[in-house]
């Protein structure tokens, strides 16, 4: 692809072009703005290069030679990359008159490329830094056969249909307004209603599981974030401090220090542990504009956060309890397929090897006792402790990181968190950070795409629509709506002067689960004619029956 772009636009400078999990991209510094319309032209040039079947030739050069070569070609970005390579010898790959810096390996020749497609064009800052020049990034994908490419392109079409940004607008769930600020979510009535249902379910299940629910402020003194280590380790993701009455304050990127402050508000005994604190806590993190993505990557979000303070002998059982609650919550929302990862001690860590081994064993044992298969991520734990990560798979099989269980030896020590032990001495508790859904915003975006906006009945902002065939049926339609409302069902009446076919279509587009159509026959019989959003005609039935159907389905949270 880079060769084709260079042939078409000789003045272009090549930046970087890696493979990704599902394709590839290349960044270009180009005087001409490349648009989606240009992709077919580039594909045509690529086909000519493939047709020529030129060999890929691997060459080794000293770094100095490679720098001189790319200087002669005017490829300044390649020189910058070369200057960061520590090796004295580097590899270049050449085919025909095109040469590039690359580790390889490659196919034998261009003719072996069988099926590819260029997908899109986007802007991208050089090295991901907004202070650098904006480049043009072309995304593409390739497969060994045309059938595999066709299947993948069909998958992408389905992904596009489910895009939460489009559905969020179509279903009037949320918006992000430039006047408010990038990455800051405005929840519209229907989206806010779904969020409220999620939050109420979350609170109910946490109270059942022995958690105490907290509320904490959105800002704290900057000194607090210095004590926790966030200023040292997390500064680039935090906003600039604000001065209040001569003291610097910082908007919170995390909830943990607040929960610790509540823990420390009383003297704790070994008999008090475990203590389980939970909060739907809104935090703010500075994400670069280039990575913001609808609800999936935002700057202000609410974590379903919890911190458990426990003794060493309680740790394994607490992890078991967390796993039980996590899997229950994920299954309730329709996620029954997931991958689990155990991340172990990294090179740089705090705490003793003994406590790391105990914590890691506790995580392993809990997973084994639950009969859960997992993969080990060696060295991928955080500096303060090992962790379990759970990636749910949506209805298209895409993995999403949601749940995490992290054991922390660092913050309790930094903030002098203790409890009075059996021997009447101060001991340091183990602190477990955990999130089940992660961020409510991100989880909501995943839910939209998982269900393609057609939420299960218990989550649907409108559970039933009452549609009148003509004006003379309006009063009866109101009676039906009132009967359903009395059962705490969420119902909308469409009594507009429009054809019933149009009303059905509009309700279907809004993905209302059940449509209760009323006309002369239904009015006369005291019934409703029921259709589902999928087009199933359930026929005429008494109002009491549709009430029962709806209430049973809601109770089961199917």
Protein backbone atom coordinates (compact mmCIF):
# COMPACT_ATOMS: atom_id res chain seq x y z
CA UNK A 1 0.00 0.00 0.00
CA UNK A 2 2.81 2.39 0.88
CA UNK A 3 4.43 1.64 -2.49
CA UNK A 4 1.16 2.42 -4.27
CA UNK A 5 0.71 5.72 -2.41
CA UNK A 6 4.30 6.67 -3.24
CA UNK A 7 3.72 5.90 -6.93
CA UNK A 8 0.57 8.03 -7.03
CA UNK A 9 1.86 10.88 -4.85
CA UNK A 10 5.68 11.01 -5.23
CA UNK A 11 6.09 13.87 -2.73
CA UNK A 12 4.51 11.90 0.13
CA UNK A 13 6.67 11.08 3.16
CA UNK A 14 6.30 7.69 4.81
CA UNK A 15 5.83 7.56 8.56
CA UNK A 16 4.97 4.23 10.19
CA UNK A 17 2.89 1.25 9.04
CA UNK A 18 2.32 -1.62 11.46
CA UNK A 19 0.15 -4.70 11.31
CA UNK A 20 -2.80 -4.72 13.73
CA UNK A 21 -4.95 -7.53 15.14
CA UNK A 22 -7.33 -7.32 12.17
CA UNK A 23 -5.39 -5.62 9.39
CA UNK A 24 -2.87 -2.83 9.01
CA UNK A 25 -2.46 0.91 8.60
CA UNK A 26 0.14 3.33 7.33
CA UNK A 27 0.63 7.00 8.24
CA UNK A 28 1.57 9.44 5.49
CA UNK A 29 2.69 13.06 5.42
CA UNK A 30 1.06 14.14 2.19
CA UNK A 31 0.58 17.57 0.63
CA UNK A 32 -2.67 16.35 -0.96
CA UNK A 33 -5.60 15.49 1.29
CA UNK A 34 -6.34 11.80 0.71
CA UNK A 35 -10.07 11.06 0.92
CA UNK A 36 -12.24 7.94 0.93
CA UNK A 37 -12.77 8.52 -2.80
CA UNK A 38 -9.03 8.04 -3.39
CA UNK A 39 -8.97 4.55 -1.87
CA UNK A 40 -10.17 2.82 -5.04
CA UNK A 41 -7.40 4.58 -6.99
CA UNK A 42 -4.80 3.36 -4.48
CA UNK A 43 -6.28 -0.16 -4.60
CA UNK A 44 -5.94 -0.11 -8.39
CA UNK A 45 -2.25 0.79 -8.10
CA UNK A 46 -1.79 -1.97 -5.50
CA UNK A 47 -3.29 -4.50 -7.92
CA UNK A 48 -0.73 -3.47 -10.55
CA UNK A 49 2.10 -4.03 -8.04
CA UNK A 50 0.66 -7.44 -7.15
CA UNK A 51 0.33 -8.30 -10.84
CA UNK A 52 4.03 -7.46 -11.38
CA UNK A 53 4.90 -10.19 -8.79
CA UNK A 54 8.12 -8.55 -7.63
CA UNK A 55 10.19 -10.31 -4.96
CA UNK A 56 10.52 -8.92 -1.44
CA UNK A 57 14.27 -8.67 -0.82
CA UNK A 58 15.66 -8.42 2.71
CA UNK A 59 18.74 -6.23 3.11
CA UNK A 60 20.93 -5.61 6.15
CA UNK A 61 22.57 -2.20 6.52
CA UNK A 62 24.47 -0.42 9.22
CA UNK A 63 22.30 2.17 10.92
CA UNK A 64 24.53 4.91 9.51
CA UNK A 65 24.06 3.60 5.94
CA UNK A 66 20.30 3.40 6.43
CA UNK A 67 20.17 6.99 7.71
CA UNK A 68 22.10 8.19 4.67
CA UNK A 69 19.80 6.25 2.34
CA UNK A 70 16.62 7.73 3.81
CA UNK A 71 18.21 11.20 3.83
CA UNK A 72 18.70 10.85 0.08
CA UNK A 73 15.03 9.86 -0.25
CA UNK A 74 13.83 12.76 1.92
CA UNK A 75 12.21 10.32 4.39
CA UNK A 76 12.62 12.35 7.60
CA UNK A 77 10.25 10.19 9.66
CA UNK A 78 12.29 7.07 8.89
CA UNK A 79 15.43 8.87 10.07
CA UNK A 80 13.73 9.73 13.37
CA UNK A 81 12.75 6.07 13.83
CA UNK A 82 16.26 4.89 12.96
CA UNK A 83 17.82 7.23 15.52
CA UNK A 84 15.80 5.49 18.24
CA UNK A 85 16.95 1.98 17.26
CA UNK A 86 19.83 0.80 19.47
CA UNK A 87 21.07 -1.93 17.12
CA UNK A 88 24.06 -1.16 14.89
CA UNK A 89 22.56 -3.20 12.03
CA UNK A 90 19.00 -2.72 10.74
CA UNK A 91 16.91 -4.51 8.12
CA UNK A 92 15.29 -2.95 5.07
CA UNK A 93 12.94 -4.61 2.61
CA UNK A 94 12.90 -3.81 -1.07
CA UNK A 95 10.56 -4.70 -3.93
CA UNK A 96 11.03 -3.23 -7.38
CA UNK A 97 11.97 0.46 -6.86
CA UNK A 98 10.42 0.73 -3.38
CA UNK A 99 12.37 0.34 -0.13
CA UNK A 100 11.26 0.61 3.48
CA UNK A 101 12.53 0.16 7.02
CA UNK A 102 11.06 -3.08 8.38
CA UNK A 103 11.86 -6.02 10.67
CA UNK A 104 9.93 -8.44 8.47
CA UNK A 105 9.40 -11.22 7.67
CA UNK A 106 7.44 -10.88 4.42
CA UNK A 107 5.88 -13.03 1.74
CA UNK A 108 8.23 -14.10 -1.03
CA UNK A 109 6.74 -11.72 -3.57
CA UNK A 110 3.92 -9.22 -4.13
CA UNK A 111 2.07 -11.80 -6.24
CA UNK A 112 1.34 -13.83 -3.12
CA UNK A 113 -1.06 -11.16 -1.85
CA UNK A 114 -4.46 -12.66 -2.65
CA UNK A 115 -7.25 -10.59 -1.08
CA UNK A 116 -7.16 -7.10 0.43
CA UNK A 117 -9.35 -4.06 0.99
CA UNK A 118 -8.63 -0.48 2.01
CA UNK A 119 -11.19 0.51 4.61
CA UNK A 120 -10.88 4.13 5.67
CA UNK A 121 -8.81 7.30 6.04
CA UNK A 122 -8.30 9.17 9.30
CA UNK A 123 -6.10 11.82 10.83
CA UNK A 124 -3.37 10.75 13.24
CA UNK A 125 -0.71 12.78 15.04
CA UNK A 126 2.84 11.61 14.49
CA UNK A 127 3.75 9.35 17.44
CA UNK A 128 0.26 9.93 18.88
CA UNK A 129 1.31 13.33 20.24
CA UNK A 130 -1.02 16.28 19.51
CA UNK A 131 1.99 18.62 19.55
CA UNK A 132 3.29 16.85 16.45
CA UNK A 133 2.11 17.17 12.87
CA UNK A 134 -1.23 15.67 11.84
CA UNK A 135 -0.66 12.85 9.34
CA UNK A 136 -3.08 10.87 7.19
CA UNK A 137 -3.67 7.27 8.18
CA UNK A 138 -5.01 4.70 5.72
CA UNK A 139 -6.50 1.54 7.23
CA UNK A 140 -6.74 -1.74 5.36
CA UNK A 141 -7.03 -5.47 5.80
CA UNK A 142 -5.84 -8.59 3.97
CA UNK A 143 -6.69 -12.29 3.94
CA UNK A 144 -5.34 -15.45 2.29
CA UNK A 145 -8.58 -15.93 0.32
CA UNK A 146 -11.36 -13.80 -1.14
CA UNK A 147 -13.97 -15.78 0.80
CA UNK A 148 -12.29 -14.91 4.11
CA UNK A 149 -12.11 -11.26 3.07
CA UNK A 150 -15.79 -11.32 2.12
CA UNK A 151 -16.72 -12.78 5.52
CA UNK A 152 -14.68 -10.12 7.29
CA UNK A 153 -16.25 -7.29 5.28
CA UNK A 154 -19.71 -8.67 6.17
CA UNK A 155 -18.62 -8.64 9.80
CA UNK A 156 -17.56 -4.98 9.45
CA UNK A 157 -20.98 -4.13 7.99
CA UNK A 158 -22.62 -5.68 11.03
CA UNK A 159 -20.24 -3.74 13.29
CA UNK A 160 -21.23 -0.54 11.47
CA UNK A 161 -24.93 -1.26 11.99
CA UNK A 162 -24.29 -1.73 15.70
CA UNK A 163 -22.06 1.33 16.15
CA UNK A 164 -23.17 2.81 19.47
CA UNK A 165 -22.48 6.35 18.23
CA UNK A 166 -25.05 6.01 15.45
CA UNK A 167 -27.56 4.08 17.55
CA UNK A 168 -27.08 6.46 20.46
CA UNK A 169 -28.25 9.27 18.20
CA UNK A 170 -31.02 7.31 16.43
CA UNK A 171 -32.47 6.10 19.73
CA UNK A 172 -31.91 9.46 21.47
CA UNK A 173 -29.86 7.94 24.29
CA UNK A 174 -26.93 10.34 24.72
CA UNK A 175 -24.86 13.02 23.02
CA UNK A 176 -21.44 14.67 23.25
CA UNK A 177 -21.53 18.42 22.65
CA UNK A 178 -18.48 20.40 21.52
CA UNK A 179 -19.71 23.42 23.49
CA UNK A 180 -19.64 21.29 26.66
CA UNK A 181 -16.35 19.57 25.81
CA UNK A 182 -14.95 16.52 24.03
CA UNK A 183 -15.26 13.24 25.90
CA UNK A 184 -17.98 14.55 28.27
CA UNK A 185 -21.28 12.68 28.00
CA UNK A 186 -24.79 14.17 28.14
CA UNK A 187 -27.28 11.46 29.09
CA UNK A 188 -30.66 12.02 27.41
CA UNK A 189 -33.89 10.91 29.15
CA UNK A 190 -33.98 7.42 27.61
CA UNK A 191 -30.28 6.79 28.14
CA UNK A 192 -30.50 8.18 31.68
CA UNK A 193 -33.43 5.85 32.38
CA UNK A 194 -31.41 2.80 31.29
CA UNK A 195 -28.48 4.03 33.37
CA UNK A 196 -30.77 4.39 36.39
CA UNK A 197 -32.00 0.80 35.94
CA UNK A 198 -28.40 -0.43 35.74
CA UNK A 199 -27.42 1.57 38.83
CA UNK A 200 -30.43 0.38 40.86
CA UNK A 201 -29.66 -3.24 39.99
CA UNK A 202 -25.99 -2.68 40.89
CA UNK A 203 -26.85 -1.16 44.29
CA UNK A 204 -29.37 -3.87 45.10
CA UNK A 205 -26.88 -6.67 44.38
CA UNK A 206 -24.07 -4.95 46.28
CA UNK A 207 -26.18 -4.53 49.40
CA UNK A 208 -27.05 -8.24 49.16
CA UNK A 209 -23.32 -9.07 48.85
CA UNK A 210 -22.41 -7.18 52.03
CA UNK A 211 -21.05 -3.98 50.52
CA UNK A 212 -21.50 -0.54 52.06
CA UNK A 213 -22.17 2.13 49.43
CA UNK A 214 -20.35 5.46 49.60
CA UNK A 215 -20.42 8.90 47.97
CA UNK A 216 -17.24 10.96 47.73
CA UNK A 217 -16.22 14.41 46.37
CA UNK A 218 -14.99 15.14 42.85
CA UNK A 219 -11.86 17.07 43.94
CA UNK A 220 -9.23 16.77 46.66
CA UNK A 221 -6.05 18.54 47.69
CA UNK A 222 -3.12 17.96 45.35
CA UNK A 223 -1.04 16.72 48.30
CA UNK A 224 -3.32 13.69 48.60
CA UNK A 225 -2.50 12.63 45.03
CA UNK A 226 1.19 13.09 45.80
CA UNK A 227 0.90 10.74 48.77
CA UNK A 228 -0.88 8.06 46.73
CA UNK A 229 1.75 8.22 43.98
CA UNK A 230 -0.69 9.39 41.29
CA UNK A 231 1.29 12.60 40.67
CA UNK A 232 4.45 10.53 40.13
CA UNK A 233 2.94 7.68 38.11
CA UNK A 234 -0.20 9.15 36.53
CA UNK A 235 0.47 12.85 35.99
CA UNK A 236 -0.07 12.82 32.20
CA UNK A 237 -3.63 11.50 32.66
CA UNK A 238 -4.60 14.09 35.27
CA UNK A 239 -5.94 17.59 34.73
CA UNK A 240 -4.08 20.72 35.82
CA UNK A 241 -4.47 21.61 39.51
CA UNK A 242 -6.77 24.46 40.55
CA UNK A 243 -6.02 26.87 43.37
CA UNK A 244 -8.64 27.38 46.09
CA UNK A 245 -7.81 29.82 48.89
CA UNK A 246 -4.08 29.37 48.34
CA UNK A 247 -4.19 25.54 48.25
CA UNK A 248 -3.85 23.40 45.12
CA UNK A 249 -6.69 20.97 44.44
CA UNK A 250 -6.95 18.27 41.77
CA UNK A 251 -10.02 16.82 40.09
CA UNK A 252 -10.09 13.13 40.96
CA UNK A 253 -8.81 10.46 38.55
CA UNK A 254 -9.50 7.68 41.10
CA UNK A 255 -11.81 6.94 44.02
CA UNK A 256 -9.46 4.85 46.20
CA UNK A 257 -7.99 7.60 48.44
CA UNK A 258 -11.48 8.70 49.46
CA UNK A 259 -12.47 5.18 50.44
CA UNK A 260 -9.27 4.90 52.48
CA UNK A 261 -10.11 8.17 54.25
CA UNK A 262 -13.50 6.71 55.24
CA UNK A 263 -11.79 3.52 56.43
CA UNK A 264 -9.38 5.57 58.54
CA UNK A 265 -12.15 7.65 60.10
CA UNK A 266 -12.45 4.91 62.75
CA UNK A 267 -10.02 2.63 64.52
CA UNK A 268 -10.52 -0.77 62.86
CA UNK A 269 -10.09 -4.15 64.50
CA UNK A 270 -9.35 -7.54 62.92
CA UNK A 271 -12.93 -8.38 63.91
CA UNK A 272 -14.26 -5.60 61.61
CA UNK A 273 -12.67 -7.10 58.52
CA UNK A 274 -13.46 -7.62 55.75
CA UNK A 275 -14.88 -4.18 55.03
CA UNK A 276 -16.38 -3.79 51.57
CA UNK A 277 -16.83 -0.22 50.31
CA UNK A 278 -18.45 0.43 46.91
CA UNK A 279 -19.24 3.58 44.96
CA UNK A 280 -20.52 4.63 41.57
CA UNK A 281 -17.81 7.26 41.54
CA UNK A 282 -17.37 9.74 38.71
CA UNK A 283 -13.72 10.41 37.80
CA UNK A 284 -11.97 12.54 35.21
CA UNK A 285 -8.94 11.59 33.17
CA UNK A 286 -7.19 13.48 30.42
CA UNK A 287 -7.45 11.36 27.29
CA UNK A 288 -5.89 12.72 24.09
CA UNK A 289 -8.44 13.86 21.53
CA UNK A 290 -7.15 11.31 19.02
CA UNK A 291 -8.22 8.36 21.18
CA UNK A 292 -11.67 9.63 22.24
CA UNK A 293 -14.36 7.32 20.83
CA UNK A 294 -18.03 7.84 21.67
CA UNK A 295 -18.82 6.24 25.03
CA UNK A 296 -15.93 3.79 24.79
CA UNK A 297 -13.18 6.34 25.51
CA UNK A 298 -14.22 9.49 27.37
CA UNK A 299 -12.77 12.06 29.76
CA UNK A 300 -15.43 11.96 32.46
CA UNK A 301 -16.89 8.60 33.48
CA UNK A 302 -18.43 6.73 36.39
CA UNK A 303 -16.68 3.62 37.71
CA UNK A 304 -18.55 0.87 39.50
CA UNK A 305 -15.72 0.93 41.96
CA UNK A 306 -15.17 -1.04 45.14
CA UNK A 307 -12.39 -1.54 47.66
CA UNK A 308 -12.22 -4.44 50.06
CA UNK A 309 -10.03 -4.23 53.16
CA UNK A 310 -9.23 -7.69 54.48
CA UNK A 311 -6.71 -9.81 56.35
CA UNK A 312 -4.34 -12.19 54.56
CA UNK A 313 -6.37 -15.21 55.71
CA UNK A 314 -9.53 -13.67 54.19
CA UNK A 315 -8.08 -12.76 50.79
CA UNK A 316 -8.89 -15.95 48.88
CA UNK A 317 -12.50 -16.04 50.08
CA UNK A 318 -12.99 -12.36 49.17
CA UNK A 319 -11.69 -13.03 45.65
CA UNK A 320 -14.13 -15.95 45.36
CA UNK A 321 -16.98 -13.66 46.40
CA UNK A 322 -15.92 -11.02 43.88
CA UNK A 323 -15.75 -13.59 41.08
CA UNK A 324 -19.22 -14.87 42.01
CA UNK A 325 -20.73 -11.37 41.93
CA UNK A 326 -18.84 -10.41 38.76
CA UNK A 327 -20.01 -13.40 36.75
CA UNK A 328 -23.58 -13.02 38.01
CA UNK A 329 -23.68 -9.36 36.93
CA UNK A 330 -22.11 -10.06 33.52
CA UNK A 331 -24.51 -12.95 32.82
CA UNK A 332 -27.49 -10.84 33.86
CA UNK A 333 -26.56 -8.33 31.17
CA UNK A 334 -26.23 -11.10 28.58
CA UNK A 335 -22.48 -11.81 28.62
CA UNK A 336 -21.86 -15.51 29.12
CA UNK A 337 -18.67 -15.84 27.06
CA UNK A 338 -15.42 -14.33 28.29
CA UNK A 339 -11.65 -14.74 28.52
CA UNK A 340 -9.89 -14.52 31.89
CA UNK A 341 -6.28 -13.42 32.43
CA UNK A 342 -4.10 -13.66 35.53
CA UNK A 343 -1.39 -11.00 35.48
CA UNK A 344 1.68 -11.74 37.60
CA UNK A 345 4.53 -9.77 39.16
CA UNK A 346 6.26 -7.22 36.88
CA UNK A 347 9.95 -6.34 37.01
CA UNK A 348 9.31 -3.22 39.10
CA UNK A 349 7.08 -3.84 42.09
CA UNK A 350 6.44 -2.88 45.70
CA UNK A 351 6.02 -5.28 48.59
CA UNK A 352 7.86 -8.50 49.43
CA UNK A 353 8.15 -11.60 47.25
CA UNK A 354 6.35 -13.52 50.00
CA UNK A 355 3.25 -11.31 49.93
CA UNK A 356 3.24 -11.31 46.09
CA UNK A 357 3.30 -15.11 46.08
CA UNK A 358 0.48 -15.30 48.62
CA UNK A 359 -1.67 -12.84 46.66
CA UNK A 360 -0.99 -14.58 43.33
CA UNK A 361 -1.79 -17.97 44.85
CA UNK A 362 -5.03 -16.58 46.28
CA UNK A 363 -6.08 -15.38 42.80
CA UNK A 364 -5.11 -18.73 41.22
CA UNK A 365 -6.88 -20.80 43.86
CA UNK A 366 -10.06 -18.75 43.56
CA UNK A 367 -10.11 -19.23 39.79
CA UNK A 368 -9.50 -22.97 40.20
CA UNK A 369 -12.19 -23.36 42.86
CA UNK A 370 -14.67 -21.59 40.56
CA UNK A 371 -13.68 -23.95 37.73
CA UNK A 372 -12.69 -21.01 35.50
CA UNK A 373 -10.17 -21.42 32.71
CA UNK A 374 -7.61 -18.62 32.50
CA UNK A 375 -4.41 -17.61 30.78
CA UNK A 376 -1.36 -16.29 32.63
CA UNK A 377 0.03 -12.92 31.54
CA UNK A 378 3.57 -13.12 32.96
CA UNK A 379 4.84 -9.81 34.32
CA UNK A 380 1.67 -7.91 33.40
CA UNK A 381 0.50 -7.21 36.95
CA UNK A 382 0.51 -3.62 38.17
CA UNK A 383 3.41 -2.44 40.30
CA UNK A 384 1.30 -2.67 43.47
CA UNK A 385 0.00 -6.24 43.04
CA UNK A 386 -1.23 -9.09 40.80
CA UNK A 387 -4.65 -8.96 39.15
CA UNK A 388 -7.38 -10.82 37.30
CA UNK A 389 -8.87 -9.25 34.16
CA UNK A 390 -12.07 -10.50 32.54
CA UNK A 391 -12.77 -9.68 28.89
CA UNK A 392 -16.38 -10.30 27.88
CA UNK A 393 -17.24 -11.29 24.33
CA UNK A 394 -20.21 -9.59 22.71
CA UNK A 395 -22.70 -11.07 20.25
CA UNK A 396 -20.16 -10.60 17.44
CA UNK A 397 -17.41 -12.34 19.40
CA UNK A 398 -15.46 -9.13 20.06
CA UNK A 399 -13.60 -9.02 23.41
CA UNK A 400 -14.10 -6.05 25.76
CA UNK A 401 -12.15 -5.40 28.94
CA UNK A 402 -14.68 -4.78 31.72
CA UNK A 403 -14.01 -6.51 35.02
CA UNK A 404 -10.81 -6.37 37.04
CA UNK A 405 -9.71 -7.60 40.47
CA UNK A 406 -6.45 -6.04 41.70
CA UNK A 407 -4.58 -6.78 44.91
CA UNK A 408 -2.83 -3.69 46.32
CA UNK A 409 0.09 -3.61 48.78
CA UNK A 410 1.14 -0.07 47.88
CA UNK A 411 -1.56 2.43 48.83
CA UNK A 412 -2.27 0.92 52.29
CA UNK A 413 1.42 1.36 53.11
CA UNK A 414 1.71 4.84 51.58
CA UNK A 415 -1.39 6.09 53.42
CA UNK A 416 -0.68 4.22 56.66
CA UNK A 417 -3.81 2.05 56.61
CA UNK A 418 -3.93 -0.29 59.61
CA UNK A 419 -6.15 -2.43 61.78
CA UNK A 420 -5.64 -3.65 65.35
CA UNK A 421 -4.67 -7.32 65.25
CA UNK A 422 -5.40 -10.17 67.65
CA UNK A 423 -2.14 -9.38 69.48
CA UNK A 424 -3.27 -5.75 69.88
CA UNK A 425 -0.61 -4.54 67.41
CA UNK A 426 -1.21 -2.49 64.27
CA UNK A 427 -1.30 -4.57 61.09
CA UNK A 428 -1.63 -3.50 57.45
CA UNK A 429 -4.72 -4.86 55.67
CA UNK A 430 -4.64 -6.10 52.11
CA UNK A 431 -6.67 -3.85 49.83
CA UNK A 432 -8.49 -5.25 46.80
CA UNK A 433 -9.60 -2.89 44.03
CA UNK A 434 -12.36 -4.24 41.82
CA UNK A 435 -14.74 -3.13 39.12
CA UNK A 436 -17.43 -5.33 37.58
CA UNK A 437 -18.60 -3.24 34.64
CA UNK A 438 -15.63 -0.87 34.63
CA UNK A 439 -16.96 2.47 33.44
CA UNK A 440 -20.74 2.86 33.15
CA UNK A 441 -20.28 4.91 29.99
CA UNK A 442 -18.12 2.29 28.32
CA UNK A 443 -20.30 -0.58 29.54
CA UNK A 444 -23.38 1.19 28.17
CA UNK A 445 -21.66 1.60 24.79
CA UNK A 446 -20.81 -2.12 24.80
CA UNK A 447 -24.42 -2.98 25.69
CA UNK A 448 -25.74 -0.88 22.80
CA UNK A 449 -23.49 -2.73 20.34
CA UNK A 450 -24.06 -6.16 21.93
CA UNK A 451 -27.85 -5.81 21.52
CA UNK A 452 -27.72 -3.57 18.41
CA UNK A 453 -29.85 -1.15 20.45
CA UNK A 454 -32.61 -3.76 20.96
CA UNK A 455 -32.25 -3.99 24.74
CA UNK A 456 -33.85 -6.81 26.70
CA UNK A 457 -37.23 -5.88 28.12
CA UNK A 458 -36.02 -5.10 31.66
CA UNK A 459 -33.54 -2.54 30.27
CA UNK A 460 -35.68 -1.05 27.48
CA UNK A 461 -36.56 2.61 28.13
CA UNK A 462 -39.98 1.96 26.54
CA UNK A 463 -41.22 -1.57 27.12
CA UNK A 464 -44.50 -1.37 25.23
CA UNK A 465 -46.02 0.95 22.67
CA UNK A 466 -49.77 1.40 22.35
CA UNK A 467 -50.65 2.25 18.72
CA UNK A 468 -54.12 3.43 17.71
CA UNK A 469 -55.47 2.67 14.23
CA UNK A 470 -57.61 5.81 14.01
CA UNK A 471 -58.87 8.77 16.05
CA UNK A 472 -61.89 6.87 17.35
CA UNK A 473 -59.59 4.43 19.13
CA UNK A 474 -57.63 7.06 21.09
CA UNK A 475 -59.68 6.86 24.29
CA UNK A 476 -59.41 3.08 24.38
CA UNK A 477 -55.66 3.41 23.70
CA UNK A 478 -55.39 5.65 26.77
CA UNK A 479 -57.23 3.01 28.80
CA UNK A 480 -54.74 0.34 27.68
CA UNK A 481 -51.79 2.59 28.48
CA UNK A 482 -53.14 3.34 31.98
CA UNK A 483 -53.69 -0.36 32.67
CA UNK A 484 -50.05 -1.11 31.78
CA UNK A 485 -48.69 1.92 33.66
CA UNK A 486 -50.40 0.70 36.84
CA UNK A 487 -48.16 -2.37 36.65
CA UNK A 488 -45.07 -0.10 36.63
CA UNK A 489 -44.46 -0.88 32.96
CA UNK A 490 -42.87 1.78 30.77
CA UNK A 491 -45.42 2.59 28.07
CA UNK A 492 -45.81 5.14 25.27
CA UNK A 493 -49.07 5.91 23.46
CA UNK A 494 -48.91 6.88 19.78
CA UNK A 495 -52.28 8.45 19.03
CA UNK A 496 -51.06 10.62 16.17
CA UNK A 497 -53.10 10.99 13.01
CA UNK A 498 -50.88 8.68 10.98
CA UNK A 499 -51.34 5.35 9.21
CA UNK A 500 -50.87 2.31 11.42
CA UNK A 501 -48.16 0.92 9.13
CA UNK A 502 -46.12 4.06 9.65
CA UNK A 503 -46.62 3.89 13.44
CA UNK A 504 -45.48 0.25 13.50
CA UNK A 505 -42.41 1.12 11.45
CA UNK A 506 -41.50 4.05 13.74
CA UNK A 507 -41.93 1.94 16.89
CA UNK A 508 -39.83 -0.85 15.33
CA UNK A 509 -37.04 1.61 14.45
CA UNK A 510 -37.12 2.78 18.06
CA UNK A 511 -36.73 -0.90 19.00
CA UNK A 512 -39.73 -0.96 21.35
CA UNK A 513 -40.04 -4.64 22.39
CA UNK A 514 -43.84 -5.01 22.30
CA UNK A 515 -46.43 -3.14 20.21
CA UNK A 516 -50.06 -3.21 21.36
CA UNK A 517 -52.27 -2.26 18.39
CA UNK A 518 -55.86 -1.20 19.09
CA UNK A 519 -58.70 -0.81 16.61
CA UNK A 520 -62.45 -1.51 16.42
CA UNK A 521 -62.17 -5.21 17.21
CA UNK A 522 -59.81 -4.72 20.16
CA UNK A 523 -61.92 -1.87 21.55
CA UNK A 524 -65.05 -4.02 21.31
CA UNK A 525 -63.40 -7.09 22.91
CA UNK A 526 -61.32 -5.25 25.53
CA UNK A 527 -58.13 -6.72 24.02
CA UNK A 528 -54.93 -5.71 22.23
CA UNK A 529 -53.28 -7.08 19.10
CA UNK A 530 -49.64 -7.72 19.96
CA UNK A 531 -46.58 -7.61 17.69
CA UNK A 532 -42.92 -7.75 18.67
CA UNK A 533 -40.16 -5.53 17.32
CA UNK A 534 -38.80 -8.55 15.44
CA UNK A 535 -42.05 -8.73 13.44
CA UNK A 536 -43.65 -11.69 15.23
CA UNK A 537 -47.44 -11.38 15.33
CA UNK A 538 -48.61 -12.70 18.70
CA UNK A 539 -52.24 -12.02 17.85
CA UNK A 540 -55.15 -10.71 19.85
CA UNK A 541 -55.10 -11.18 23.63
CA UNK A 542 -56.69 -9.74 26.78
CA UNK A 543 -54.86 -6.85 28.45
CA UNK A 544 -54.27 -9.04 31.52
CA UNK A 545 -52.38 -11.59 29.43
CA UNK A 546 -49.95 -9.08 27.90
CA UNK A 547 -49.39 -7.69 31.40
CA UNK A 548 -48.45 -11.18 32.62
CA UNK A 549 -46.14 -11.81 29.64
CA UNK A 550 -44.30 -8.54 30.19
CA UNK A 551 -43.96 -8.91 33.95
CA UNK A 552 -42.66 -12.49 33.72
CA UNK A 553 -40.07 -11.53 31.11
CA UNK A 554 -38.91 -8.56 33.17
CA UNK A 555 -38.60 -10.70 36.31
CA UNK A 556 -36.42 -13.25 34.49
CA UNK A 557 -34.25 -10.45 32.98
CA UNK A 558 -34.01 -12.49 29.78
